[in-house]
C-alpha atoms as a PDB file:
ATOM      1  CA  MET A   1     -20.478 -17.157  65.957  1.00  0.00           C
ATOM      2  CA  LYS A   2     -19.088 -14.188  63.961  1.00  0.00           C
ATOM      3  CA  ASN A   3     -21.477 -12.351  61.648  1.00  0.00           C
ATOM      4  CA  VAL A   4     -20.242 -10.803  58.406  1.00  0.00           C
ATOM      5  CA  ILE A   5     -22.525  -8.764  56.152  1.00  0.00           C
ATOM      6  CA  LEU A   6     -21.759  -8.675  52.435  1.00  0.00           C
ATOM      7  CA  LEU A   7     -23.433  -5.890  50.470  1.00  0.00           C
ATOM      8  CA  GLY A   8     -23.717  -7.204  46.927  1.00  0.00           C
ATOM      9  CA  GLY A   9     -22.568 -10.641  48.028  1.00  0.00           C
ATOM     10  CA  SER A  10     -24.355 -12.576  45.280  1.00  0.00           C
ATOM     11  CA  GLY A  11     -21.898 -11.593  42.526  1.00  0.00           C
ATOM     12  CA  TYR A  12     -18.692 -13.144  41.289  1.00  0.00           C
ATOM     13  CA  ILE A  13     -16.372 -11.755  43.969  1.00  0.00           C
ATOM     14  CA  GLY A  14     -18.992 -12.080  46.715  1.00  0.00           C
ATOM     15  CA  THR A  15     -19.681 -15.767  46.160  1.00  0.00           C
ATOM     16  CA  HIS A  16     -15.966 -16.571  46.026  1.00  0.00           C
ATOM     17  CA  LEU A  17     -15.381 -14.464  49.150  1.00  0.00           C
ATOM     18  CA  SER A  18     -18.162 -16.359  50.933  1.00  0.00           C
ATOM     19  CA  GLU A  19     -16.682 -19.708  49.909  1.00  0.00           C
ATOM     20  CA  GLU A  20     -13.185 -18.722  51.098  1.00  0.00           C
ATOM     21  CA  TRP A  21     -14.375 -17.231  54.398  1.00  0.00           C
ATOM     22  CA  LEU A  22     -16.616 -20.188  55.244  1.00  0.00           C
ATOM     23  CA  ARG A  23     -13.746 -22.561  54.455  1.00  0.00           C
ATOM     24  CA  LYS A  24     -11.245 -20.570  56.494  1.00  0.00           C
ATOM     25  CA  ASP A  25     -13.357 -19.773  59.579  1.00  0.00           C
ATOM     26  CA  PRO A  26     -15.750 -22.377  61.035  1.00  0.00           C
ATOM     27  CA  GLN A  27     -17.225 -19.675  63.320  1.00  0.00           C
ATOM     28  CA  VAL A  28     -18.318 -17.234  60.596  1.00  0.00           C
ATOM     29  CA  GLN A  29     -21.919 -16.686  59.483  1.00  0.00           C
ATOM     30  CA  ILE A  30     -22.291 -14.808  56.166  1.00  0.00           C
ATOM     31  CA  ILE A  31     -25.303 -12.581  55.475  1.00  0.00           C
ATOM     32  CA  SER A  32     -25.401 -11.657  51.782  1.00  0.00           C
ATOM     33  CA  VAL A  33     -27.565  -8.610  51.077  1.00  0.00           C
ATOM     34  CA  SER A  34     -28.227  -7.900  47.412  1.00  0.00           C
ATOM     35  CA  ARG A  35     -30.838  -7.111  44.818  1.00  0.00           C
ATOM     36  CA  ASN A  36     -30.764 -10.715  43.578  1.00  0.00           C
ATOM     37  CA  GLY A  37     -30.657 -12.606  46.874  1.00  0.00           C
ATOM     38  CA  LYS A  38     -29.456 -16.153  46.309  1.00  0.00           C
ATOM     39  CA  PRO A  39     -27.825 -16.435  42.880  1.00  0.00           C
ATOM     40  CA  GLY A  40     -29.222 -18.938  40.402  1.00  0.00           C
ATOM     41  CA  LYS A  41     -25.747 -20.190  39.581  1.00  0.00           C
ATOM     42  CA  LEU A  42     -23.873 -20.956  42.788  1.00  0.00           C
ATOM     43  CA  LEU A  43     -20.514 -22.436  43.585  1.00  0.00           C
ATOM     44  CA  PRO A  44     -21.134 -26.075  44.575  1.00  0.00           C
ATOM     45  CA  SER A  45     -19.789 -25.507  48.095  1.00  0.00           C
ATOM     46  CA  LEU A  46     -22.442 -22.839  48.744  1.00  0.00           C
ATOM     47  CA  VAL A  47     -25.546 -24.590  47.392  1.00  0.00           C
ATOM     48  CA  ASN A  48     -26.859 -25.881  50.724  1.00  0.00           C
ATOM     49  CA  HIS A  49     -24.446 -24.227  53.128  1.00  0.00           C
ATOM     50  CA  ASN A  50     -26.047 -23.633  56.527  1.00  0.00           C
ATOM     51  CA  ARG A  51     -23.826 -20.670  57.488  1.00  0.00           C
ATOM     52  CA  ILE A  52     -24.857 -18.350  54.675  1.00  0.00           C
ATOM     53  CA  LYS A  53     -28.096 -16.375  54.498  1.00  0.00           C
ATOM     54  CA  TRP A  54     -29.196 -14.787  51.222  1.00  0.00           C
ATOM     55  CA  MET A  55     -31.353 -11.648  51.418  1.00  0.00           C
ATOM     56  CA  SER A  56     -33.007 -10.073  48.365  1.00  0.00           C
ATOM     57  CA  VAL A  57     -33.453  -6.354  49.147  1.00  0.00           C
ATOM     58  CA  ASP A  58     -33.019  -2.861  47.792  1.00  0.00           C
ATOM     59  CA  ILE A  59     -29.794  -2.015  49.624  1.00  0.00           C
ATOM     60  CA  PHE A  60     -30.532   1.702  49.326  1.00  0.00           C
ATOM     61  CA  ASP A  61     -33.688   1.313  51.460  1.00  0.00           C
ATOM     62  CA  ILE A  62     -31.974   0.443  54.751  1.00  0.00           C
ATOM     63  CA  ASP A  63     -35.111   0.697  56.887  1.00  0.00           C
ATOM     64  CA  SER A  64     -36.776  -2.057  54.849  1.00  0.00           C
ATOM     65  CA  TYR A  65     -34.200  -4.684  55.879  1.00  0.00           C
ATOM     66  CA  ILE A  66     -32.121  -3.522  58.861  1.00  0.00           C
ATOM     67  CA  SER A  67     -34.390  -5.366  61.309  1.00  0.00           C
ATOM     68  CA  LYS A  68     -33.606  -8.622  59.441  1.00  0.00           C
ATOM     69  CA  LEU A  69     -29.851  -8.200  59.935  1.00  0.00           C
ATOM     70  CA  PRO A  70     -28.086  -9.510  63.023  1.00  0.00           C
ATOM     71  CA  GLN A  71     -27.989  -6.867  65.739  1.00  0.00           C
ATOM     72  CA  GLN A  72     -24.321  -7.687  66.248  1.00  0.00           C
ATOM     73  CA  ALA A  73     -21.993  -8.010  63.273  1.00  0.00           C
ATOM     74  CA  ASP A  74     -18.208  -8.183  63.207  1.00  0.00           C
ATOM     75  CA  ALA A  75     -17.579  -6.835  59.713  1.00  0.00           C
ATOM     76  CA  ILE A  76     -19.250  -5.523  56.586  1.00  0.00           C
ATOM     77  CA  VAL A  77     -17.934  -5.608  53.017  1.00  0.00           C
ATOM     78  CA  ASP A  78     -19.189  -3.414  50.163  1.00  0.00           C
ATOM     79  CA  LEU A  79     -19.068  -5.537  47.005  1.00  0.00           C
ATOM     80  CA  VAL A  80     -21.676  -3.530  45.092  1.00  0.00           C
ATOM     81  CA  GLY A  81     -20.236  -2.125  41.904  1.00  0.00           C
ATOM     82  CA  THR A  82     -20.015  -2.111  38.152  1.00  0.00           C
ATOM     83  CA  ALA A  83     -17.471  -1.453  35.432  1.00  0.00           C
ATOM     84  CA  THR A  84     -20.110  -1.332  32.681  1.00  0.00           C
ATOM     85  CA  ALA A  85     -22.619   1.396  33.612  1.00  0.00           C
ATOM     86  CA  ASN A  86     -24.026   3.566  30.840  1.00  0.00           C
ATOM     87  CA  SER A  87     -23.821   6.935  32.574  1.00  0.00           C
ATOM     88  CA  LYS A  88     -21.841   8.871  35.155  1.00  0.00           C
ATOM     89  CA  GLU A  89     -24.921   8.808  37.419  1.00  0.00           C
ATOM     90  CA  ASP A  90     -25.169   5.014  37.233  1.00  0.00           C
ATOM     91  CA  PHE A  91     -21.455   4.651  38.028  1.00  0.00           C
ATOM     92  CA  GLU A  92     -21.930   6.927  41.064  1.00  0.00           C
ATOM     93  CA  LYS A  93     -25.027   5.058  42.225  1.00  0.00           C
ATOM     94  CA  LEU A  94     -23.423   1.634  42.002  1.00  0.00           C
ATOM     95  CA  ASN A  95     -19.777   2.377  42.869  1.00  0.00           C
ATOM     96  CA  ALA A  96     -19.892   5.249  45.381  1.00  0.00           C
ATOM     97  CA  GLU A  97     -23.331   5.479  47.001  1.00  0.00           C
ATOM     98  CA  PRO A  98     -23.185   1.947  48.494  1.00  0.00           C
ATOM     99  CA  VAL A  99     -20.237   3.136  50.618  1.00  0.00           C
ATOM    100  CA  ASN A 100     -22.665   5.531  52.336  1.00  0.00           C
ATOM    101  CA  ILE A 101     -24.942   2.541  52.997  1.00  0.00           C
ATOM    102  CA  MET A 102     -22.028   0.607  54.507  1.00  0.00           C
ATOM    103  CA  VAL A 103     -21.088   3.579  56.724  1.00  0.00           C
ATOM    104  CA  GLU A 104     -24.690   4.006  57.900  1.00  0.00           C
ATOM    105  CA  LEU A 105     -25.010   0.289  58.700  1.00  0.00           C
ATOM    106  CA  MET A 106     -21.702   0.426  60.583  1.00  0.00           C
ATOM    107  CA  SER A 107     -23.094   3.292  62.660  1.00  0.00           C
ATOM    108  CA  ARG A 108     -26.546   1.850  63.294  1.00  0.00           C
ATOM    109  CA  LEU A 109     -25.346  -1.699  64.054  1.00  0.00           C
ATOM    110  CA  ASN A 110     -22.016  -0.776  65.698  1.00  0.00           C
ATOM    111  CA  ILE A 111     -20.025  -2.801  63.172  1.00  0.00           C
ATOM    112  CA  PRO A 112     -16.324  -2.319  63.975  1.00  0.00           C
ATOM    113  CA  LYS A 113     -14.741  -3.108  60.589  1.00  0.00           C
ATOM    114  CA  GLY A 114     -15.574  -2.541  56.964  1.00  0.00           C
ATOM    115  CA  CYS A 115     -13.984  -3.111  53.579  1.00  0.00           C
ATOM    116  CA  TYR A 116     -14.563  -1.302  50.284  1.00  0.00           C
ATOM    117  CA  ILE A 117     -13.659  -2.894  46.959  1.00  0.00           C
ATOM    118  CA  SER A 118     -12.337  -0.118  44.746  1.00  0.00           C
ATOM    119  CA  GLY A 119     -10.540  -0.685  41.446  1.00  0.00           C
ATOM    120  CA  ARG A 120      -7.582   0.235  39.270  1.00  0.00           C
ATOM    121  CA  MET A 121      -9.050  -0.178  35.792  1.00  0.00           C
ATOM    122  CA  GLY A 122     -12.447  -0.239  34.141  1.00  0.00           C
ATOM    123  CA  MET A 123     -13.712  -1.225  30.741  1.00  0.00           C
ATOM    124  CA  PRO A 124     -12.442   0.384  27.520  1.00  0.00           C
ATOM    125  CA  PHE A 125     -14.182   3.721  26.850  1.00  0.00           C
ATOM    126  CA  LYS A 126     -15.663   3.719  30.374  1.00  0.00           C
ATOM    127  CA  ASN A 127     -12.468   3.705  32.421  1.00  0.00           C
ATOM    128  CA  LYS A 128     -12.543   7.394  33.444  1.00  0.00           C
ATOM    129  CA  GLN A 129     -16.109   7.318  34.827  1.00  0.00           C
ATOM    130  CA  PHE A 130     -15.430   4.002  36.558  1.00  0.00           C
ATOM    131  CA  LEU A 131     -12.268   5.281  38.264  1.00  0.00           C
ATOM    132  CA  GLU A 132     -13.862   8.603  39.241  1.00  0.00           C
ATOM    133  CA  SER A 133     -16.762   6.810  40.917  1.00  0.00           C
ATOM    134  CA  LYS A 134     -14.426   4.374  42.695  1.00  0.00           C
ATOM    135  CA  HIS A 135     -12.252   7.280  43.906  1.00  0.00           C
ATOM    136  CA  ARG A 136     -15.395   8.959  45.244  1.00  0.00           C
ATOM    137  CA  GLY A 137     -16.226   5.726  47.101  1.00  0.00           C
ATOM    138  CA  GLU A 138     -12.715   5.681  48.561  1.00  0.00           C
ATOM    139  CA  HIS A 139     -13.115   9.309  49.694  1.00  0.00           C
ATOM    140  CA  ILE A 140     -16.403   8.477  51.435  1.00  0.00           C
ATOM    141  CA  ALA A 141     -14.764   5.516  53.194  1.00  0.00           C
ATOM    142  CA  LEU A 142     -11.642   7.421  54.232  1.00  0.00           C
ATOM    143  CA  THR A 143     -13.510  10.460  55.580  1.00  0.00           C
ATOM    144  CA  SER A 144     -16.254   8.500  57.334  1.00  0.00           C
ATOM    145  CA  GLY A 145     -14.417   8.153  60.632  1.00  0.00           C
ATOM    146  CA  LYS A 146     -15.008   4.391  60.427  1.00  0.00           C
ATOM    147  CA  ASN A 147     -12.450   1.586  60.302  1.00  0.00           C
ATOM    148  CA  ILE A 148     -12.798   0.802  56.589  1.00  0.00           C
ATOM    149  CA  GLY A 149     -10.028  -0.904  54.646  1.00  0.00           C
ATOM    150  CA  ILE A 150      -9.804  -0.487  50.893  1.00  0.00           C
ATOM    151  CA  VAL A 151      -8.630  -3.006  48.307  1.00  0.00           C
ATOM    152  CA  LYS A 152      -7.895  -1.859  44.762  1.00  0.00           C
ATOM    153  CA  PRO A 153      -7.676  -4.799  42.378  1.00  0.00           C
ATOM    154  CA  SER A 154      -7.136  -4.368  38.671  1.00  0.00           C
ATOM    155  CA  LEU A 155      -8.416  -7.439  36.816  1.00  0.00           C
ATOM    156  CA  VAL A 156      -9.996 -10.132  39.007  1.00  0.00           C
ATOM    157  CA  TYR A 157     -10.011 -13.569  37.429  1.00  0.00           C
ATOM    158  CA  GLY A 158     -10.508 -17.221  38.284  1.00  0.00           C
ATOM    159  CA  ASP A 159     -13.049 -19.554  36.768  1.00  0.00           C
ATOM    160  CA  ARG A 160     -14.686 -16.892  34.546  1.00  0.00           C
ATOM    161  CA  ALA A 161     -13.701 -17.284  30.899  1.00  0.00           C
ATOM    162  CA  ASP A 162     -14.394 -13.626  30.051  1.00  0.00           C
ATOM    163  CA  ALA A 163     -11.807 -12.393  32.578  1.00  0.00           C
ATOM    164  CA  VAL A 164      -9.193 -15.066  31.876  1.00  0.00           C
ATOM    165  CA  VAL A 165      -8.777 -13.906  28.260  1.00  0.00           C
ATOM    166  CA  MET A 166      -7.822 -10.422  29.547  1.00  0.00           C
ATOM    167  CA  VAL A 167      -5.059 -11.692  31.869  1.00  0.00           C
ATOM    168  CA  PRO A 168      -2.204 -11.620  29.281  1.00  0.00           C
ATOM    169  CA  PHE A 169      -3.158  -8.067  28.245  1.00  0.00           C
ATOM    170  CA  VAL A 170      -3.222  -6.802  31.836  1.00  0.00           C
ATOM    171  CA  GLN A 171       0.048  -8.620  32.594  1.00  0.00           C
ATOM    172  CA  ALA A 172       1.677  -6.916  29.593  1.00  0.00           C
ATOM    173  CA  VAL A 173       0.409  -3.483  30.664  1.00  0.00           C
ATOM    174  CA  GLY A 174       1.575  -4.334  34.187  1.00  0.00           C
ATOM    175  CA  LEU A 175       5.161  -4.412  32.924  1.00  0.00           C
ATOM    176  CA  PHE A 176       4.903  -0.631  32.534  1.00  0.00           C
ATOM    177  CA  ASN A 177       2.484   0.111  35.377  1.00  0.00           C
ATOM    178  CA  LYS A 178       3.067  -1.775  38.638  1.00  0.00           C
ATOM    179  CA  ASP A 179      -0.505  -1.099  39.793  1.00  0.00           C
ATOM    180  CA  LEU A 180      -2.037  -3.144  36.975  1.00  0.00           C
ATOM    181  CA  LYS A 181      -1.566  -6.738  37.972  1.00  0.00           C
ATOM    182  CA  PRO A 182      -4.265  -9.395  37.558  1.00  0.00           C
ATOM    183  CA  ILE A 183      -5.332 -11.061  40.792  1.00  0.00           C
ATOM    184  CA  LYS A 184      -7.051 -14.397  41.293  1.00  0.00           C
ATOM    185  CA  VAL A 185     -10.434 -14.070  42.951  1.00  0.00           C
ATOM    186  CA  ASN A 186      -9.414 -16.332  45.870  1.00  0.00           C
ATOM    187  CA  GLN A 187      -6.340 -14.128  46.526  1.00  0.00           C
ATOM    188  CA  LEU A 188      -8.569 -11.047  46.568  1.00  0.00           C
ATOM    189  CA  ALA A 189     -10.910 -12.861  48.967  1.00  0.00           C
ATOM    190  CA  GLN A 190      -7.984 -13.535  51.304  1.00  0.00           C
ATOM    191  CA  GLN A 191      -7.014  -9.835  51.253  1.00  0.00           C
ATOM    192  CA  ILE A 192     -10.582  -8.825  52.154  1.00  0.00           C
ATOM    193  CA  ILE A 193     -10.727 -11.353  54.996  1.00  0.00           C
ATOM    194  CA  GLN A 194      -7.421 -10.064  56.399  1.00  0.00           C
ATOM    195  CA  ILE A 195      -8.826  -6.532  56.498  1.00  0.00           C
ATOM    196  CA  CYS A 196     -11.941  -7.694  58.315  1.00  0.00           C
ATOM    197  CA  ILE A 197     -10.498 -10.008  60.979  1.00  0.00           C
END
């Protein structure tokens, strides 16, 4: 059995990543570590899945939960993040500091591979702080000495109505900026899995 730890795995990308990975690899066990634990609204395929464990913890307090993690894990993915924080400090705490947590867990549990979800665009009026915090997270990952891949999606969409309405706008902007291309959440999940296998 392969163990994969998802920091912040109870969110939109994390639940879709879990669904895709469990579908693709019958040997994977997912451990989702997040503030919320098991989400109230789950994808139907995850409701009673026996190869996913939901842990509700403060990810910043590693010593409170590290003993509950598998002592051997094959990969870790940092999915913690926000595009809607109200301050530079909150952006840093939620977009950059979790990379330090991932690096420490990789060291303490000898996890060979990691993946950081960065970004190419934030919300209107908050884009600069979002991108600065994501770039700081990238810097932490790249200078950590660990094998951490980075994905940089722009707009992630799928079954969420709020993101789907933004797709035409991002596609139009993408005509002038090749980096701004919407990506379906299942395609992003496949990119993350490729980094981690």
